[in-house]
Amino acid sequence: MSERWSCPLVVELDGTLSKADSIAEGIVTMLLRRPSDFLGILAAFAKGRRGVAEQLTRLGYVDAEALPIRRDFLDYLERERANGRELHLATSAMQPVADAMAARLGIFGSARGSENGVELRGDAKLHHLQQRFPDGFSYAGGGADDIPVWRGATSIVVVGASPATQRTAERLGPPIEREFPAPRRSLRDWIRALRLHQWSKNLLLFVPLLLAHKYNDLAAFEQVVAGFIAFGCVASGTYLINDLSDLKADRAHPTKRFRLVARGDLGAMPALLLALALIAGGLIGGAALGLAFGGLLVFYVAMTLAYSLHLKTVPIFDAFILGSLYTLRVLMGSVLIHVTNSPWLLSFTMFSFFSLSMAKRHLEIVRAPEAARVGGKIAGRGYVESDAPLTLSFGVSSSLCAILILFFYVTNDAYSTNLYAHPHWLWLIAVWVFLWFARIWLLTHRGELNDDPVLFAVRDPLSYVLGLLIAGTFVMAVL
């Protein structure tokens, strides 16, 4: 530790030590989990941030254990402490939150938060620190509320500040001992946050166009493309809401903890506003394509929100909802081009995606670390470790049901329609589909599949080979 920076270092929690704003996360969590509680604390908003923080903490919506920590800054603090420097936590968050964070990290000599009607923020925090450290202190912060404290500090540490706050800090006078820039959100981060790669699932909207042999109808194709974009916007918005509702579980997950919202690089409130804007834009676009499509899009949003906020914790039924959402995509594709829905297609889709959803749940069960288990259950889910044989059997049997439906269609319907010049080729499609499902479940059973079988297929070379074989066989059946 340099002698120049030997004075105690005082650290803010929200936006500094933690990337997240605990109050904003608490409000969003309350809105998604129990909106009735939000109505109950409306009066607290009249008292400002302090009143809201008190109510959120009292109701248990601020969880210090789940807040994402800024790793590079924590490494710096640990080095300073190892060199003999005093570290103290002083935050505008409530005292119980400050105590919980201090206990979690174990590096602070003291922890002080807001309590007894006094908010430890701005000038009030500066006054407290000047009394607590009359010989001077260094202060680490990054928000506009930290500027008054910086003015009275011996030196300052700037963490995650906006460009405007950064410029202000440079003009204040006290020397800047360290700077930790705010993380930059790359295009790849936004693509992942909005799940643009998940839009591949929305290609199911094109399936009725293909199977109805309307691929030469430009107007129908344009209609489906427009529906694909509207549906994609809605889906991206609902994915963000799902991330917000599952923050704690995602932060304990080995891969989901790297998501933009889970790691704190996209704040809870901006994420919620972005989600609502995407959903609203998609619904408006969907309604412009027809009331039937718009109505189904509203139904999709309702089902997705019900899943995100509650039904994903109900075993078996959660996979049924996911399978239904995929089937709904096919139904909406039929509505867009005004063709009759095929019961063969809808039932095949339902069993296929129920099977793939069970594969995803099976992987979550067998891969969940002990840290992600709460009372024997997988965090954020309703499954326990002993459910693995059941999810495996349900998933495999559902895939076999889908294959049987495909065979029954070829036997009972394909030969009697005028859609196929050589329907006997369709038997081979059923074989290719069977081989793909067999591969998926073999890898799932071995634990070699990633978290999402559909995304695995998008990146798997052998899946592309089987897909090309299916496409080629379909062409042979049509010609």
Protein backbone atom coordinates (compact mmCIF):
# COMPACT_ATOMS: atom_id res chain seq x y z
CA MET A 1 0.00 0.00 0.00
CA SER A 2 1.39 3.38 -0.98
CA GLU A 3 1.83 5.76 1.98
CA ARG A 4 0.05 8.37 -0.09
CA TRP A 5 -3.15 6.32 0.10
CA SER A 6 -2.80 5.15 3.68
CA CYS A 7 -6.05 6.68 4.94
CA PRO A 8 -9.11 4.44 5.38
CA LEU A 9 -11.00 3.60 2.19
CA VAL A 10 -14.78 3.94 2.44
CA VAL A 11 -16.89 2.12 -0.16
CA GLU A 12 -20.44 2.62 -1.46
CA LEU A 13 -22.47 -0.51 -2.26
CA ASP A 14 -25.02 0.32 -4.99
CA GLY A 15 -23.41 0.89 -8.37
CA THR A 16 -19.90 0.66 -6.89
CA LEU A 17 -19.09 -2.52 -5.01
CA SER A 18 -22.15 -4.07 -6.64
CA LYS A 19 -22.92 -3.40 -10.28
CA ALA A 20 -26.62 -3.34 -9.47
CA ASP A 21 -28.88 -0.82 -7.79
CA SER A 22 -30.41 -2.83 -4.95
CA ILE A 23 -33.47 -0.55 -4.74
CA ALA A 24 -34.23 -0.76 -8.47
CA GLU A 25 -33.81 -4.54 -8.40
CA GLY A 26 -36.07 -4.74 -5.36
CA ILE A 27 -38.82 -2.72 -7.06
CA VAL A 28 -38.67 -4.82 -10.24
CA THR A 29 -38.63 -8.06 -8.24
CA MET A 30 -41.68 -6.90 -6.30
CA LEU A 31 -43.54 -5.93 -9.48
CA LEU A 32 -42.92 -9.32 -11.05
CA ARG A 33 -43.37 -11.55 -8.01
CA ARG A 34 -46.14 -9.84 -6.06
CA PRO A 35 -47.65 -6.69 -7.60
CA SER A 36 -50.03 -6.38 -4.64
CA ASP A 37 -47.05 -5.54 -2.42
CA PHE A 38 -46.16 -2.69 -4.76
CA LEU A 39 -49.60 -1.17 -4.25
CA GLY A 40 -49.03 -1.46 -0.52
CA ILE A 41 -45.84 0.62 -0.55
CA LEU A 42 -47.03 3.43 -2.85
CA ALA A 43 -47.21 5.74 0.17
CA ALA A 44 -43.50 5.10 0.77
CA PHE A 45 -42.63 6.88 -2.48
CA ALA A 46 -43.69 10.16 -0.85
CA LYS A 47 -40.68 9.74 1.49
CA GLY A 48 -38.32 9.35 -1.44
CA ARG A 49 -35.69 6.68 -1.92
CA ARG A 50 -35.28 6.15 1.83
CA GLY A 51 -38.94 5.30 2.34
CA VAL A 52 -38.95 2.86 -0.57
CA ALA A 53 -35.70 1.25 0.61
CA GLU A 54 -37.13 0.74 4.10
CA GLN A 55 -40.22 -1.03 2.78
CA LEU A 56 -38.33 -3.16 0.26
CA THR A 57 -35.87 -4.28 2.94
CA ARG A 58 -38.63 -4.98 5.44
CA LEU A 59 -40.49 -7.15 2.90
CA GLY A 60 -37.34 -9.04 1.92
CA TYR A 61 -37.01 -7.83 -1.67
CA VAL A 62 -33.39 -6.68 -1.27
CA ASP A 63 -31.08 -9.69 -1.08
CA ALA A 64 -27.43 -8.81 -0.45
CA GLU A 65 -26.41 -12.41 -1.11
CA ALA A 66 -27.70 -12.21 -4.69
CA LEU A 67 -26.25 -8.82 -5.67
CA PRO A 68 -23.57 -9.07 -8.40
CA ILE A 69 -20.14 -7.93 -7.22
CA ARG A 70 -17.77 -5.91 -9.40
CA ARG A 71 -14.94 -8.44 -9.53
CA ASP A 72 -12.08 -6.15 -10.59
CA PHE A 73 -12.91 -3.65 -7.85
CA LEU A 74 -13.22 -6.39 -5.22
CA ASP A 75 -9.78 -7.70 -6.21
CA TYR A 76 -8.41 -4.19 -5.65
CA LEU A 77 -10.05 -3.96 -2.22
CA GLU A 78 -8.65 -7.33 -1.19
CA ARG A 79 -5.14 -6.26 -2.21
CA GLU A 80 -5.46 -3.01 -0.26
CA ARG A 81 -6.66 -4.90 2.81
CA ALA A 82 -3.82 -7.42 2.49
CA ASN A 83 -1.42 -4.45 2.50
CA GLY A 84 -2.86 -3.23 5.81
CA ARG A 85 -5.36 -0.61 4.68
CA GLU A 86 -8.61 -0.15 6.58
CA LEU A 87 -11.77 -0.78 4.54
CA HIS A 88 -15.24 0.40 5.54
CA LEU A 89 -18.65 0.05 3.92
CA ALA A 90 -20.91 3.14 4.00
CA THR A 91 -23.98 2.87 1.81
CA SER A 92 -27.34 4.48 1.19
CA ALA A 93 -28.85 0.98 1.36
CA MET A 94 -30.51 0.02 4.63
CA GLN A 95 -28.42 -1.14 7.59
CA PRO A 96 -29.51 -4.82 7.35
CA VAL A 97 -28.34 -4.86 3.72
CA ALA A 98 -25.00 -3.28 4.67
CA ASP A 99 -24.53 -5.83 7.47
CA ALA A 100 -25.38 -8.73 5.15
CA MET A 101 -22.93 -7.56 2.48
CA ALA A 102 -20.17 -7.05 5.05
CA ALA A 103 -20.76 -10.56 6.37
CA ARG A 104 -20.77 -11.96 2.83
CA LEU A 105 -17.39 -10.49 1.85
CA GLY A 106 -15.63 -10.37 5.22
CA ILE A 107 -13.26 -7.53 4.28
CA PHE A 108 -14.77 -4.48 6.00
CA GLY A 109 -13.86 -3.19 9.44
CA SER A 110 -17.30 -1.62 9.76
CA ALA A 111 -20.54 -1.37 7.82
CA ARG A 112 -22.92 1.57 8.01
CA GLY A 113 -26.19 1.99 6.13
CA SER A 114 -29.32 4.10 6.32
CA GLU A 115 -31.39 3.65 9.48
CA ASN A 116 -33.60 5.42 12.01
CA GLY A 117 -35.07 7.68 9.34
CA VAL A 118 -31.64 8.98 8.25
CA GLU A 119 -30.52 8.22 4.70
CA LEU A 120 -26.75 7.86 4.42
CA ARG A 121 -26.42 9.68 1.15
CA GLY A 122 -24.85 12.85 -0.28
CA ASP A 123 -24.15 15.56 2.32
CA ALA A 124 -25.48 13.37 5.15
CA LYS A 125 -22.92 10.70 4.29
CA LEU A 126 -20.12 13.28 4.06
CA HIS A 127 -21.01 14.65 7.50
CA HIS A 128 -21.02 11.13 8.98
CA LEU A 129 -17.65 10.22 7.44
CA GLN A 130 -16.00 13.47 8.54
CA GLN A 131 -17.04 12.73 12.11
CA ARG A 132 -16.06 9.07 11.84
CA PHE A 133 -12.66 9.78 10.21
CA PRO A 134 -11.47 13.23 11.35
CA ASP A 135 -7.96 12.60 9.97
CA GLY A 136 -9.31 12.02 6.47
CA PHE A 137 -10.66 9.21 4.34
CA SER A 138 -10.66 7.99 0.76
CA TYR A 139 -14.00 7.34 -0.86
CA ALA A 140 -15.01 4.92 -3.64
CA GLY A 141 -18.21 5.69 -5.52
CA GLY A 142 -19.54 6.24 -8.99
CA GLY A 143 -22.90 8.02 -8.93
CA ALA A 144 -24.00 11.64 -8.89
CA ASP A 145 -24.93 11.21 -5.20
CA ASP A 146 -21.27 10.48 -4.43
CA ILE A 147 -20.00 13.85 -5.70
CA PRO A 148 -20.55 15.72 -2.37
CA VAL A 149 -18.65 12.95 -0.55
CA TRP A 150 -15.78 13.10 -3.04
CA ARG A 151 -15.44 16.84 -2.39
CA GLY A 152 -14.64 16.19 1.26
CA ALA A 153 -12.43 13.13 0.72
CA THR A 154 -8.64 12.97 0.88
CA SER A 155 -8.60 10.95 -2.33
CA ILE A 156 -11.21 9.29 -4.48
CA VAL A 157 -11.75 6.03 -6.32
CA VAL A 158 -14.07 6.30 -9.33
CA VAL A 159 -16.02 3.11 -10.03
CA GLY A 160 -18.43 2.59 -12.91
CA ALA A 161 -19.15 6.30 -13.33
CA SER A 162 -20.98 7.81 -16.28
CA PRO A 163 -18.92 10.12 -18.55
CA ALA A 164 -20.50 13.21 -16.94
CA THR A 165 -19.78 11.99 -13.40
CA GLN A 166 -16.26 11.02 -14.43
CA ARG A 167 -15.57 14.54 -15.74
CA THR A 168 -16.96 16.06 -12.55
CA ALA A 169 -14.72 13.84 -10.42
CA GLU A 170 -11.66 14.98 -12.37
CA ARG A 171 -12.48 18.65 -11.64
CA LEU A 172 -13.22 18.32 -7.92
CA GLY A 173 -9.70 18.67 -6.54
CA PRO A 174 -9.02 15.51 -4.49
CA PRO A 175 -6.64 13.21 -6.37
CA ILE A 176 -8.03 10.12 -8.10
CA GLU A 177 -6.13 7.10 -6.84
CA ARG A 178 -7.84 4.51 -9.06
CA GLU A 179 -10.46 4.36 -11.80
CA PHE A 180 -12.66 1.42 -12.71
CA PRO A 181 -14.54 2.23 -15.93
CA ALA A 182 -18.14 1.16 -16.39
CA PRO A 183 -18.35 -2.07 -18.39
CA ARG A 184 -18.98 -1.54 -22.07
CA ARG A 185 -21.93 -3.38 -23.52
CA SER A 186 -20.84 -4.80 -26.85
CA LEU A 187 -23.09 -5.68 -29.77
CA ARG A 188 -22.61 -9.31 -28.80
CA ASP A 189 -23.89 -8.53 -25.28
CA TRP A 190 -27.05 -6.96 -26.69
CA ILE A 191 -27.57 -9.88 -29.07
CA ARG A 192 -27.37 -12.25 -26.12
CA ALA A 193 -29.57 -10.10 -23.88
CA LEU A 194 -32.31 -9.83 -26.52
CA ARG A 195 -31.80 -13.51 -27.38
CA LEU A 196 -31.58 -12.78 -31.10
CA HIS A 197 -30.15 -16.27 -31.52
CA GLN A 198 -33.45 -17.54 -30.08
CA TRP A 199 -35.25 -16.03 -33.05
CA SER A 200 -34.26 -19.23 -34.85
CA LYS A 201 -37.12 -20.87 -32.94
CA ASN A 202 -39.53 -18.44 -34.57
CA LEU A 203 -38.76 -19.99 -37.96
CA LEU A 204 -41.62 -22.33 -37.01
CA LEU A 205 -43.87 -19.56 -38.35
CA PHE A 206 -42.66 -20.53 -41.83
CA VAL A 207 -43.52 -24.24 -41.46
CA PRO A 208 -47.19 -23.89 -42.56
CA LEU A 209 -46.03 -21.83 -45.56
CA LEU A 210 -43.67 -24.63 -46.54
CA LEU A 211 -46.03 -27.54 -45.93
CA ALA A 212 -48.92 -25.78 -47.70
CA HIS A 213 -46.57 -25.41 -50.69
CA LYS A 214 -47.07 -21.63 -50.77
CA TYR A 215 -43.36 -20.85 -51.00
CA ASN A 216 -43.94 -19.28 -54.44
CA ASP A 217 -46.59 -16.90 -53.07
CA LEU A 218 -44.69 -13.63 -52.53
CA ALA A 219 -47.53 -11.94 -50.63
CA ALA A 220 -47.80 -14.88 -48.21
CA PHE A 221 -44.03 -14.93 -47.75
CA GLU A 222 -43.93 -11.20 -46.96
CA GLN A 223 -46.78 -11.65 -44.47
CA VAL A 224 -44.86 -14.36 -42.61
CA VAL A 225 -41.64 -12.30 -42.62
CA ALA A 226 -43.51 -9.37 -41.05
CA GLY A 227 -45.03 -11.73 -38.48
CA PHE A 228 -41.58 -13.17 -37.77
CA ILE A 229 -40.23 -9.69 -36.92
CA ALA A 230 -43.22 -8.74 -34.75
CA PHE A 231 -43.08 -12.07 -32.95
CA GLY A 232 -39.31 -11.72 -32.46
CA CYS A 233 -39.70 -8.33 -30.75
CA VAL A 234 -42.32 -9.74 -28.39
CA ALA A 235 -40.19 -12.82 -27.69
CA SER A 236 -37.10 -10.72 -26.90
CA GLY A 237 -39.14 -8.63 -24.48
CA THR A 238 -40.49 -11.69 -22.69
CA TYR A 239 -36.98 -13.18 -22.47
CA LEU A 240 -35.83 -10.04 -20.65
CA ILE A 241 -38.75 -10.30 -18.22
CA ASN A 242 -37.89 -13.95 -17.66
CA ASP A 243 -34.30 -12.92 -16.84
CA LEU A 244 -35.56 -10.33 -14.36
CA SER A 245 -37.91 -12.77 -12.65
CA ASP A 246 -35.14 -15.37 -12.37
CA LEU A 247 -32.25 -13.15 -11.26
CA LYS A 248 -31.32 -14.98 -8.08
CA ALA A 249 -31.42 -18.44 -9.67
CA ASP A 250 -29.52 -17.25 -12.76
CA ARG A 251 -26.73 -15.80 -10.61
CA ALA A 252 -26.26 -19.23 -9.02
CA HIS A 253 -26.32 -21.00 -12.40
CA PRO A 254 -22.97 -22.04 -13.97
CA THR A 255 -23.74 -20.44 -17.37
CA LYS A 256 -26.76 -18.17 -16.93
CA ARG A 257 -24.84 -16.00 -14.46
CA PHE A 258 -23.01 -14.49 -17.44
CA ARG A 259 -26.20 -13.04 -18.92
CA LEU A 260 -26.20 -9.25 -19.24
CA VAL A 261 -28.92 -8.72 -16.61
CA ALA A 262 -27.69 -11.41 -14.21
CA ARG A 263 -24.15 -10.04 -14.09
CA GLY A 264 -25.47 -6.53 -13.49
CA ASP A 265 -24.24 -4.91 -16.71
CA LEU A 266 -27.83 -4.06 -17.68
CA GLY A 267 -29.78 -2.56 -14.79
CA ALA A 268 -33.09 -4.05 -13.70
CA MET A 269 -35.14 -0.93 -14.41
CA PRO A 270 -33.69 -0.23 -17.90
CA ALA A 271 -34.15 -3.92 -18.72
CA LEU A 272 -37.81 -3.79 -17.66
CA LEU A 273 -38.49 -0.63 -19.69
CA LEU A 274 -36.76 -2.13 -22.74
CA ALA A 275 -38.80 -5.32 -22.36
CA LEU A 276 -42.09 -3.40 -22.19
CA ALA A 277 -41.14 -1.32 -25.24
CA LEU A 278 -40.29 -4.43 -27.28
CA ILE A 279 -43.52 -6.19 -26.27
CA ALA A 280 -45.64 -3.13 -27.03
CA GLY A 281 -43.97 -2.61 -30.41
CA GLY A 282 -44.37 -6.26 -31.33
CA LEU A 283 -48.04 -6.32 -30.33
CA ILE A 284 -48.79 -3.21 -32.36
CA GLY A 285 -47.03 -4.72 -35.37
CA GLY A 286 -48.85 -8.02 -34.87
CA ALA A 287 -52.25 -6.32 -34.70
CA ALA A 288 -51.47 -4.56 -37.99
CA LEU A 289 -51.07 -8.00 -39.62
CA GLY A 290 -54.56 -9.07 -38.57
CA LEU A 291 -56.70 -9.31 -35.47
CA ALA A 292 -56.40 -13.10 -35.32
CA PHE A 293 -52.60 -13.00 -35.38
CA GLY A 294 -52.56 -10.08 -32.94
CA GLY A 295 -54.88 -11.94 -30.57
CA LEU A 296 -52.67 -15.04 -30.64
CA LEU A 297 -49.66 -12.82 -29.98
CA VAL A 298 -51.38 -11.40 -26.89
CA PHE A 299 -52.14 -14.98 -25.81
CA TYR A 300 -48.47 -15.87 -26.32
CA VAL A 301 -47.40 -12.96 -24.10
CA ALA A 302 -49.88 -13.99 -21.40
CA MET A 303 -48.67 -17.61 -21.45
CA THR A 304 -45.02 -16.56 -21.43
CA LEU A 305 -45.48 -14.18 -18.50
CA ALA A 306 -47.44 -16.80 -16.58
CA TYR A 307 -44.58 -19.22 -17.21
CA SER A 308 -41.87 -16.73 -16.23
CA LEU A 309 -43.59 -15.55 -13.07
CA HIS A 310 -44.92 -18.85 -11.72
CA LEU A 311 -45.48 -21.86 -13.96
CA LYS A 312 -41.79 -22.58 -14.55
CA THR A 313 -41.66 -23.81 -10.95
CA VAL A 314 -44.44 -26.38 -11.53
CA PRO A 315 -42.86 -29.72 -12.56
CA ILE A 316 -43.99 -31.31 -15.85
CA PHE A 317 -46.50 -28.51 -16.46
CA ASP A 318 -43.58 -26.16 -17.17
CA ALA A 319 -42.43 -28.37 -20.05
CA PHE A 320 -46.02 -28.62 -21.28
CA ILE A 321 -46.24 -24.81 -21.42
CA LEU A 322 -42.96 -24.61 -23.34
CA GLY A 323 -44.18 -27.22 -25.82
CA SER A 324 -47.44 -25.29 -26.19
CA LEU A 325 -45.57 -22.06 -26.92
CA TYR A 326 -43.70 -23.73 -29.77
CA THR A 327 -46.93 -25.22 -31.11
CA LEU A 328 -48.53 -21.78 -30.91
CA ARG A 329 -45.84 -20.51 -33.30
CA VAL A 330 -46.94 -23.05 -35.91
CA LEU A 331 -50.59 -22.14 -35.36
CA MET A 332 -49.78 -18.45 -35.82
CA GLY A 333 -47.94 -19.23 -39.05
CA SER A 334 -51.12 -20.86 -40.37
CA VAL A 335 -53.19 -17.83 -39.37
CA LEU A 336 -50.83 -15.47 -41.19
CA ILE A 337 -51.33 -17.18 -44.56
CA HIS A 338 -54.96 -18.23 -43.95
CA VAL A 339 -54.56 -22.00 -44.26
CA THR A 340 -56.35 -24.71 -42.30
CA ASN A 341 -54.40 -26.00 -39.33
CA SER A 342 -53.29 -29.61 -39.64
CA PRO A 343 -53.95 -31.69 -36.49
CA TRP A 344 -51.07 -33.94 -37.57
CA LEU A 345 -48.66 -31.00 -37.63
CA LEU A 346 -49.85 -29.48 -34.35
CA SER A 347 -49.72 -32.78 -32.45
CA PHE A 348 -46.29 -33.64 -33.90
CA THR A 349 -45.00 -30.20 -32.88
CA MET A 350 -46.44 -30.49 -29.38
CA PHE A 351 -44.87 -33.88 -28.61
CA SER A 352 -41.56 -32.90 -30.24
CA PHE A 353 -41.08 -29.75 -28.22
CA PHE A 354 -42.41 -31.25 -25.01
CA SER A 355 -39.64 -33.82 -25.45
CA LEU A 356 -37.00 -31.14 -26.04
CA SER A 357 -38.26 -29.15 -23.05
CA MET A 358 -37.89 -32.23 -20.87
CA ALA A 359 -34.34 -32.64 -22.20
CA LYS A 360 -33.58 -29.11 -21.01
CA ARG A 361 -35.04 -29.81 -17.57
CA HIS A 362 -33.19 -33.13 -17.33
CA LEU A 363 -29.90 -31.36 -17.99
CA GLU A 364 -30.67 -28.73 -15.35
CA ILE A 365 -31.35 -31.47 -12.80
CA VAL A 366 -28.19 -33.48 -13.40
CA ARG A 367 -25.94 -30.42 -13.76
CA ALA A 368 -27.25 -28.25 -10.93
CA PRO A 369 -24.46 -27.59 -8.40
CA GLU A 370 -25.17 -27.85 -4.70
CA ALA A 371 -25.17 -24.03 -4.51
CA ALA A 372 -28.16 -23.95 -6.85
CA ARG A 373 -30.24 -26.34 -4.73
CA VAL A 374 -32.68 -24.93 -2.19
CA GLY A 375 -34.29 -27.40 0.20
CA GLY A 376 -33.39 -30.23 -2.17
CA LYS A 377 -35.00 -28.46 -5.15
CA ILE A 378 -33.23 -26.88 -8.10
CA ALA A 379 -33.28 -23.11 -7.53
CA GLY A 380 -35.98 -21.47 -9.65
CA ARG A 381 -37.47 -24.84 -10.61
CA GLY A 382 -39.78 -27.37 -9.00
CA TYR A 383 -37.62 -30.43 -9.64
CA VAL A 384 -35.46 -32.43 -7.25
CA GLU A 385 -32.45 -34.58 -8.05
CA SER A 386 -34.42 -37.83 -7.85
CA ASP A 387 -36.69 -36.64 -10.71
CA ALA A 388 -33.94 -37.30 -13.28
CA PRO A 389 -35.18 -40.81 -14.27
CA LEU A 390 -38.70 -39.42 -14.69
CA THR A 391 -37.67 -36.50 -16.91
CA LEU A 392 -35.56 -38.90 -18.98
CA SER A 393 -38.41 -41.36 -19.51
CA PHE A 394 -41.00 -38.65 -20.23
CA GLY A 395 -38.69 -36.98 -22.74
CA VAL A 396 -37.74 -40.13 -24.64
CA SER A 397 -41.32 -41.44 -24.76
CA SER A 398 -42.61 -38.07 -26.03
CA SER A 399 -40.09 -38.07 -28.86
CA LEU A 400 -41.24 -41.56 -29.84
CA CYS A 401 -44.86 -40.34 -29.82
CA ALA A 402 -43.85 -37.57 -32.22
CA ILE A 403 -42.22 -40.11 -34.55
CA LEU A 404 -45.32 -42.32 -34.46
CA ILE A 405 -47.52 -39.34 -35.36
CA LEU A 406 -45.27 -38.65 -38.34
CA PHE A 407 -45.52 -42.28 -39.48
CA PHE A 408 -49.31 -42.27 -39.00
CA TYR A 409 -49.58 -39.11 -41.11
CA VAL A 410 -47.66 -40.71 -43.97
CA THR A 411 -49.78 -43.86 -43.72
CA ASN A 412 -53.22 -42.25 -43.39
CA ASP A 413 -53.07 -38.85 -45.05
CA ALA A 414 -50.03 -38.17 -47.22
CA TYR A 415 -51.03 -40.60 -49.99
CA SER A 416 -54.58 -39.21 -50.24
CA THR A 417 -53.57 -35.57 -50.80
CA ASN A 418 -52.40 -33.90 -53.97
CA LEU A 419 -49.49 -32.18 -52.24
CA TYR A 420 -46.88 -34.85 -52.94
CA ALA A 421 -46.04 -36.44 -56.27
CA HIS A 422 -44.01 -39.18 -54.57
CA PRO A 423 -45.28 -39.48 -50.97
CA HIS A 424 -43.27 -42.66 -50.32
CA TRP A 425 -40.21 -40.44 -49.80
CA LEU A 426 -41.86 -39.09 -46.64
CA TRP A 427 -41.12 -42.38 -44.88
CA LEU A 428 -37.46 -41.47 -45.04
CA ILE A 429 -38.11 -38.08 -43.39
CA ALA A 430 -39.53 -39.94 -40.38
CA VAL A 431 -36.30 -41.96 -40.23
CA TRP A 432 -34.11 -38.82 -40.29
CA VAL A 433 -36.21 -37.22 -37.54
CA PHE A 434 -35.96 -40.40 -35.46
CA LEU A 435 -32.16 -40.39 -35.78
CA TRP A 436 -32.00 -36.74 -34.71
CA PHE A 437 -34.13 -37.32 -31.60
CA ALA A 438 -32.10 -40.42 -30.76
CA ARG A 439 -28.90 -38.36 -30.94
CA ILE A 440 -30.38 -35.58 -28.79
CA TRP A 441 -31.41 -37.97 -26.04
CA LEU A 442 -28.17 -39.93 -26.16
CA LEU A 443 -26.20 -36.71 -25.58
CA THR A 444 -28.71 -35.58 -22.95
CA HIS A 445 -28.36 -38.86 -21.06
CA ARG A 446 -24.57 -38.51 -21.17
CA GLY A 447 -24.76 -34.88 -20.01
CA GLU A 448 -22.93 -33.73 -23.15
CA LEU A 449 -25.69 -31.45 -24.45
CA ASN A 450 -25.73 -27.74 -23.65
CA ASP A 451 -28.61 -26.12 -21.77
CA ASP A 452 -30.92 -25.76 -24.78
CA PRO A 453 -31.40 -28.61 -27.32
CA VAL A 454 -32.82 -26.23 -29.94
CA LEU A 455 -29.76 -23.97 -29.78
CA PHE A 456 -27.55 -27.05 -29.79
CA ALA A 457 -29.13 -28.05 -33.10
CA VAL A 458 -28.38 -24.60 -34.55
CA ARG A 459 -24.66 -25.10 -33.80
CA ASP A 460 -24.34 -28.85 -34.36
CA PRO A 461 -22.85 -29.93 -37.74
CA LEU A 462 -24.54 -33.35 -37.67
CA SER A 463 -27.92 -31.68 -37.07
CA TYR A 464 -27.29 -29.62 -40.20
CA VAL A 465 -26.53 -32.79 -42.14
CA LEU A 466 -29.78 -34.39 -40.99
CA GLY A 467 -31.62 -31.14 -41.73
CA LEU A 468 -30.28 -31.14 -45.29
CA LEU A 469 -31.31 -34.78 -45.67
CA ILE A 470 -34.83 -33.90 -44.49
CA ALA A 471 -35.01 -30.95 -46.90
CA GLY A 472 -33.70 -33.02 -49.80
CA THR A 473 -36.12 -35.84 -49.08
CA PHE A 474 -39.01 -33.37 -48.88
CA VAL A 475 -38.08 -32.01 -52.32
CA MET A 476 -38.02 -35.55 -53.71
CA ALA A 477 -41.50 -36.16 -52.28
CA VAL A 478 -42.88 -32.98 -53.83
CA LEU A 479 -41.33 -33.26 -57.31
